[in-house]
Amino acid sequence: MRILHTSDWHLGRSFHREGMLGHQAAYVDHLLEVVDQEAVDLVVVAGDVYDRALPHVDAVRLADETLARLAASRAQVVLTSGNHDSAQRLGFSSRLIDASGVFIRTDASGVGTPVLLEDEHGEVAVYGIPYLDPDAVREPWGLAVRSHEAALSAAMHRVRADLATRPRTRSVVLAHAFVAGAPTQVQPSDSERDISVGGVSLVPTAVFDGVDYTALGHLHGPHTLSESVRYSGSPLAYSFSEATQVKGSWLVDLDGFGVREADFLPAPVPRPLARLRGTLDELLADPRHEQHEHSWVQATLTDDVRPLQAMDRLRRRFPHTLVLGFEPPAGAPAGLPTALPHGRSDHAIALDFVQQMRGGPATEAESALLLAACDACCEDPDVDMLVSEMAAP
């Protein structure tokens, strides 16, 4: 059986206010091409189909089109909900949809009931474990502790109980969680929502021992925790912390004994990501940055004094600059005032702020603009003008 493992589509998500739906649709095209060209028998989607519990209508439309195209393909599909999804909304009409060969599993009570498939080696049981909120399952499952490890261990107990009734049946499990052999084995990215309970979210890989293949979702980078336990990661980058990650999906061949081979298939890159650092003049002049002129850019400026119109100037060379930060070298003026002075006008305080943040005084035009802004905020516009004149040397 040939399995394509993907997860964390986050349909409807934006990237620093840049719409991603068109790029997500392009990934769906790629997905269907892989299914056809690689003769995929089973597509597994390990959660976070949508980016939010109440997705935008355009995201729902893309999901509907995607599942319809997959249902018409040569592959069958098992899909579970993640921590970003609404399990009830995603799972609506799932029993009817089963007839199309698309199996949506979002109900925690059904984790021990597999989707049964066949290949030339016999039966394959596919268990879809949706994202399990420990608070939601602790009471009905009688968990002794409130943790993700306890919730997934209880789910896997149900899986193993069912597998025990199916001798010589191979198994595939989908799960959406933070799984690692050790806390340093994998690192989350900035775009992943924290799912920790009481500061603990880690689930050991041993929870999935005995399963022929475990398809994980939640972490946005691809990770191989063992030959049979893997993260596919998200198909697109959703934060600059993912700039160095290669996005894609796992193509897994399951023979009569388990995983025979697993290959990572890179996904199309709609626009590369670049994290640039240096003074404004360096970023604008350095020929090494030519390769990033069409990338989405996160720039960190290291000038001693905050440059004027930095974003506008950067975008003349890097038109897709989305994030701009300022980290002057040690000893350079930066940071917010530690306390507001008493007995000074709002205008004078504003000028002090500019001086401290920029490392230089405001221009006459800026000073006049700040004075007008302070006046506009006063009930009596003449008050701040008078105080400002009295405070002037």
Foldseek 3Di string as FASTA:
>chain_A
DKEWFAEQQQQQDAALPHTCNVVSLQLLVVVLVCCVVVVHAEYEYQANLHQAADHDPSSVVSVVVSVVSQLVGNYAYEYEHEPRYDLCVQCPPQVVCVVSRYHYDYDQVCQLPFDWDADPLGIETEGEHHEDQQVVCCVVLVFPDRASQSSLLSSVVSNVVSVVVPPLYAYEYRHEFAEAQDPPQDDADPSFDDRGDVNDGYHYPCSPPPHLAYEYHRGQAWDDRDPRYIYQHHLADRYLSCLPGFHFIWTFDQDSVGTPDIDTDGTDYPAHEEEEEEALVCLLPPPVCLVQQGHAYAYEHADLFDDPPSVVSNCVRRVNDSHYHYDHDPPRQADADPDQDPQAAPLVSVQVRNCRHGVHGDDPVVSVVSLVVSLVPDPHSVPRVVRNVVPDD
